Amino acid sequence: MKFTRTVQKIILSTCGLLALLLGLLGAVLPLLPSTPFLLLAALCFYHGSTRLHNWIESLPWVGTQLILWREQRTVTVTVKRFALIYLWVVISASSIFYLTDTFHRLLLITLAIGVTLYLLRLKTLPKKTGDNLIERRNQDKGI
């Protein structure tokens, strides 16, 4: 039984590292989302490696957002604003400079509208509230 649990932890940790890599790529590649992969990485690390899970949650910007998502299913207004601006800058640049046919431009813009609507529907916290929640959580844990 211990062998099976060890193998499961190795598989989950490996999947978490792969998801983290895809999440990092998604931060710079258009239409490859980073957030779902970072959430998947955190979930895999949660079940596979306490050390990796603590590490990903200790990262300054990503960790705070992961904790807020896990505990309250919310994002800060800063993250939402950044995501929307980044999305539309990349989509606009791709549509103008890389795509030549109208169909693919419309497809890309339709996807961007869908992502925008999803992001706008997410529960949002003011940045200070999110920071205060994390600070209180760290004080409670003695960090």
C-alpha atoms as a PDB file:
ATOM      1  CA  MET A   1       0.000   0.000   0.000  1.00  0.00           C
ATOM      2  CA  LYS A   2       2.856   2.404   0.814  1.00  0.00           C
ATOM      3  CA  PHE A   3       4.399   1.689  -2.598  1.00  0.00           C
ATOM      4  CA  THR A   4       1.132   2.626  -4.333  1.00  0.00           C
ATOM      5  CA  ARG A   5       0.902   5.907  -2.391  1.00  0.00           C
ATOM      6  CA  THR A   6       4.538   6.720  -3.258  1.00  0.00           C
ATOM      7  CA  VAL A   7       3.899   6.091  -6.960  1.00  0.00           C
ATOM      8  CA  GLN A   8       0.743   8.218  -6.775  1.00  0.00           C
ATOM      9  CA  LYS A   9       2.700  11.099  -5.194  1.00  0.00           C
ATOM     10  CA  ILE A  10       5.386  10.875  -7.877  1.00  0.00           C
ATOM     11  CA  ILE A  11       2.788  10.898 -10.667  1.00  0.00           C
ATOM     12  CA  LEU A  12       0.903  13.834  -9.128  1.00  0.00           C
ATOM     13  CA  SER A  13       4.110  15.807  -8.559  1.00  0.00           C
ATOM     14  CA  THR A  14       5.209  15.166 -12.145  1.00  0.00           C
ATOM     15  CA  CYS A  15       1.794  16.245 -13.469  1.00  0.00           C
ATOM     16  CA  GLY A  16       2.038  19.329 -11.267  1.00  0.00           C
ATOM     17  CA  LEU A  17       5.433  20.242 -12.694  1.00  0.00           C
ATOM     18  CA  LEU A  18       4.127  19.767 -16.234  1.00  0.00           C
ATOM     19  CA  ALA A  19       1.078  21.928 -15.465  1.00  0.00           C
ATOM     20  CA  LEU A  20       3.373  24.570 -13.947  1.00  0.00           C
ATOM     21  CA  LEU A  21       5.482  24.585 -17.100  1.00  0.00           C
ATOM     22  CA  LEU A  22       2.366  24.987 -19.267  1.00  0.00           C
ATOM     23  CA  GLY A  23       1.140  27.753 -16.950  1.00  0.00           C
ATOM     24  CA  LEU A  24       4.426  29.616 -17.334  1.00  0.00           C
ATOM     25  CA  LEU A  25       4.243  29.227 -21.114  1.00  0.00           C
ATOM     26  CA  GLY A  26       0.655  30.437 -20.998  1.00  0.00           C
ATOM     27  CA  ALA A  27       1.822  33.672 -19.406  1.00  0.00           C
ATOM     28  CA  VAL A  28       3.611  34.617 -22.626  1.00  0.00           C
ATOM     29  CA  LEU A  29       1.809  32.711 -25.406  1.00  0.00           C
ATOM     30  CA  PRO A  30      -1.529  33.997 -26.677  1.00  0.00           C
ATOM     31  CA  LEU A  31      -4.557  31.741 -26.182  1.00  0.00           C
ATOM     32  CA  LEU A  32      -2.670  29.334 -23.896  1.00  0.00           C
ATOM     33  CA  PRO A  33      -4.230  30.107 -20.528  1.00  0.00           C
ATOM     34  CA  SER A  34      -1.914  30.226 -17.544  1.00  0.00           C
ATOM     35  CA  THR A  35      -4.452  30.296 -14.708  1.00  0.00           C
ATOM     36  CA  PRO A  36      -6.047  26.845 -15.200  1.00  0.00           C
ATOM     37  CA  PHE A  37      -2.615  25.245 -15.455  1.00  0.00           C
ATOM     38  CA  LEU A  38      -1.383  27.019 -12.316  1.00  0.00           C
ATOM     39  CA  LEU A  39      -4.520  25.909 -10.471  1.00  0.00           C
ATOM     40  CA  LEU A  40      -3.971  22.350 -11.709  1.00  0.00           C
ATOM     41  CA  ALA A  41      -0.326  22.497 -10.603  1.00  0.00           C
ATOM     42  CA  ALA A  42      -1.382  23.662  -7.134  1.00  0.00           C
ATOM     43  CA  LEU A  43      -3.956  20.855  -6.913  1.00  0.00           C
ATOM     44  CA  CYS A  44      -1.450  18.211  -8.005  1.00  0.00           C
ATOM     45  CA  PHE A  45       1.133  19.527  -5.549  1.00  0.00           C
ATOM     46  CA  TYR A  46      -1.481  19.602  -2.777  1.00  0.00           C
ATOM     47  CA  HIS A  47      -2.029  15.865  -3.184  1.00  0.00           C
ATOM     48  CA  GLY A  48       1.457  14.905  -4.342  1.00  0.00           C
ATOM     49  CA  SER A  49       4.031  17.015  -2.499  1.00  0.00           C
ATOM     50  CA  THR A  50       3.555  19.255   0.514  1.00  0.00           C
ATOM     51  CA  ARG A  51       6.936  20.859  -0.161  1.00  0.00           C
ATOM     52  CA  LEU A  52       6.046  21.803  -3.763  1.00  0.00           C
ATOM     53  CA  HIS A  53       2.587  22.980  -2.705  1.00  0.00           C
ATOM     54  CA  ASN A  54       4.056  25.257  -0.038  1.00  0.00           C
ATOM     55  CA  TRP A  55       6.624  26.487  -2.562  1.00  0.00           C
ATOM     56  CA  ILE A  56       4.067  27.428  -5.238  1.00  0.00           C
ATOM     57  CA  GLU A  57       1.912  29.200  -2.645  1.00  0.00           C
ATOM     58  CA  SER A  58       4.935  31.112  -1.359  1.00  0.00           C
ATOM     59  CA  LEU A  59       5.650  32.690  -4.743  1.00  0.00           C
ATOM     60  CA  PRO A  60       4.954  36.413  -4.336  1.00  0.00           C
ATOM     61  CA  TRP A  61       2.348  37.085  -7.003  1.00  0.00           C
ATOM     62  CA  VAL A  62       1.113  33.654  -8.026  1.00  0.00           C
ATOM     63  CA  GLY A  63       0.906  32.272  -4.491  1.00  0.00           C
ATOM     64  CA  THR A  64      -1.357  35.035  -3.252  1.00  0.00           C
ATOM     65  CA  GLN A  65      -3.743  34.518  -6.142  1.00  0.00           C
ATOM     66  CA  LEU A  66      -3.756  30.730  -5.685  1.00  0.00           C
ATOM     67  CA  ILE A  67      -4.594  31.104  -2.002  1.00  0.00           C
ATOM     68  CA  LEU A  68      -7.386  33.577  -2.737  1.00  0.00           C
ATOM     69  CA  TRP A  69      -8.801  31.247  -5.380  1.00  0.00           C
ATOM     70  CA  ARG A  70      -8.601  28.166  -3.128  1.00  0.00           C
ATOM     71  CA  GLU A  71     -10.090  29.831  -0.069  1.00  0.00           C
ATOM     72  CA  GLN A  72     -12.657  32.207  -1.595  1.00  0.00           C
ATOM     73  CA  ARG A  73     -12.916  31.454  -5.322  1.00  0.00           C
ATOM     74  CA  THR A  74     -12.046  35.076  -6.082  1.00  0.00           C
ATOM     75  CA  VAL A  75      -9.391  37.211  -7.798  1.00  0.00           C
ATOM     76  CA  THR A  76      -8.165  40.723  -7.047  1.00  0.00           C
ATOM     77  CA  VAL A  77      -9.172  43.656  -9.205  1.00  0.00           C
ATOM     78  CA  THR A  78      -5.519  44.087 -10.217  1.00  0.00           C
ATOM     79  CA  VAL A  79      -5.302  40.561 -11.591  1.00  0.00           C
ATOM     80  CA  LYS A  80      -8.586  40.906 -13.449  1.00  0.00           C
ATOM     81  CA  ARG A  81      -7.516  44.228 -14.968  1.00  0.00           C
ATOM     82  CA  PHE A  82      -4.113  42.849 -16.005  1.00  0.00           C
ATOM     83  CA  ALA A  83      -5.684  39.747 -17.560  1.00  0.00           C
ATOM     84  CA  LEU A  84      -8.153  41.780 -19.606  1.00  0.00           C
ATOM     85  CA  ILE A  85      -5.548  44.262 -20.835  1.00  0.00           C
ATOM     86  CA  TYR A  86      -3.062  41.519 -21.690  1.00  0.00           C
ATOM     87  CA  LEU A  87      -5.748  39.467 -23.439  1.00  0.00           C
ATOM     88  CA  TRP A  88      -6.853  42.302 -25.696  1.00  0.00           C
ATOM     89  CA  VAL A  89      -3.346  43.565 -26.467  1.00  0.00           C
ATOM     90  CA  VAL A  90      -2.246  40.083 -27.552  1.00  0.00           C
ATOM     91  CA  ILE A  91      -5.456  39.364 -29.467  1.00  0.00           C
ATOM     92  CA  SER A  92      -5.283  42.740 -31.240  1.00  0.00           C
ATOM     93  CA  ALA A  93      -1.619  42.299 -32.146  1.00  0.00           C
ATOM     94  CA  SER A  94      -2.244  38.771 -33.403  1.00  0.00           C
ATOM     95  CA  SER A  95      -5.230  39.878 -35.465  1.00  0.00           C
ATOM     96  CA  ILE A  96      -3.420  42.836 -36.991  1.00  0.00           C
ATOM     97  CA  PHE A  97       0.081  41.488 -37.555  1.00  0.00           C
ATOM     98  CA  TYR A  98      -0.214  37.703 -37.921  1.00  0.00           C
ATOM     99  CA  LEU A  99      -3.605  36.723 -39.256  1.00  0.00           C
ATOM    100  CA  THR A 100      -4.470  37.422 -42.853  1.00  0.00           C
ATOM    101  CA  ASP A 101      -7.947  35.964 -43.312  1.00  0.00           C
ATOM    102  CA  THR A 102     -11.138  37.338 -41.815  1.00  0.00           C
ATOM    103  CA  PHE A 103     -12.437  33.977 -40.538  1.00  0.00           C
ATOM    104  CA  HIS A 104      -9.508  33.438 -38.176  1.00  0.00           C
ATOM    105  CA  ARG A 105      -9.620  37.051 -37.012  1.00  0.00           C
ATOM    106  CA  LEU A 106     -13.315  36.704 -36.174  1.00  0.00           C
ATOM    107  CA  LEU A 107     -12.692  33.379 -34.459  1.00  0.00           C
ATOM    108  CA  LEU A 108      -9.932  34.899 -32.325  1.00  0.00           C
ATOM    109  CA  ILE A 109     -12.071  37.916 -31.424  1.00  0.00           C
ATOM    110  CA  THR A 110     -15.023  35.659 -30.563  1.00  0.00           C
ATOM    111  CA  LEU A 111     -12.810  33.618 -28.224  1.00  0.00           C
ATOM    112  CA  ALA A 112     -11.510  36.818 -26.647  1.00  0.00           C
ATOM    113  CA  ILE A 113     -15.056  38.042 -26.061  1.00  0.00           C
ATOM    114  CA  GLY A 114     -15.903  34.728 -24.375  1.00  0.00           C
ATOM    115  CA  VAL A 115     -12.837  34.926 -22.125  1.00  0.00           C
ATOM    116  CA  THR A 116     -13.631  38.562 -21.324  1.00  0.00           C
ATOM    117  CA  LEU A 117     -17.195  37.688 -20.301  1.00  0.00           C
ATOM    118  CA  TYR A 118     -15.889  34.865 -18.105  1.00  0.00           C
ATOM    119  CA  LEU A 119     -13.328  37.141 -16.429  1.00  0.00           C
ATOM    120  CA  LEU A 120     -15.906  39.860 -15.828  1.00  0.00           C
ATOM    121  CA  ARG A 121     -18.195  37.345 -14.094  1.00  0.00           C
ATOM    122  CA  LEU A 122     -15.521  36.260 -11.594  1.00  0.00           C
ATOM    123  CA  LYS A 123     -15.951  37.423  -8.024  1.00  0.00           C
ATOM    124  CA  THR A 124     -13.559  40.326  -7.469  1.00  0.00           C
ATOM    125  CA  LEU A 125     -11.816  41.668  -4.382  1.00  0.00           C
ATOM    126  CA  PRO A 126     -10.152  45.057  -4.125  1.00  0.00           C
ATOM    127  CA  LYS A 127      -6.354  44.615  -4.058  1.00  0.00           C
ATOM    128  CA  LYS A 128      -6.017  45.850  -0.469  1.00  0.00           C
ATOM    129  CA  THR A 129      -8.667  43.404   0.726  1.00  0.00           C
ATOM    130  CA  GLY A 130      -6.845  40.501  -0.935  1.00  0.00           C
ATOM    131  CA  ASP A 131      -3.519  41.577   0.560  1.00  0.00           C
ATOM    132  CA  ASN A 132      -5.114  41.969   4.007  1.00  0.00           C
ATOM    133  CA  LEU A 133      -6.642  38.485   3.824  1.00  0.00           C
ATOM    134  CA  ILE A 134      -3.284  36.942   2.939  1.00  0.00           C
ATOM    135  CA  GLU A 135      -1.513  38.927   5.662  1.00  0.00           C
ATOM    136  CA  ARG A 136      -4.066  37.793   8.265  1.00  0.00           C
ATOM    137  CA  ARG A 137      -3.774  34.185   7.079  1.00  0.00           C
ATOM    138  CA  ASN A 138       0.017  34.315   7.388  1.00  0.00           C
ATOM    139  CA  GLN A 139      -0.226  35.815  10.882  1.00  0.00           C
ATOM    140  CA  ASP A 140      -2.592  33.038  11.945  1.00  0.00           C
ATOM    141  CA  LYS A 141      -0.100  30.449  10.671  1.00  0.00           C
ATOM    142  CA  GLY A 142       2.810  32.267  12.309  1.00  0.00           C
ATOM    143  CA  ILE A 143       4.565  33.041   9.008  1.00  0.00           C
END
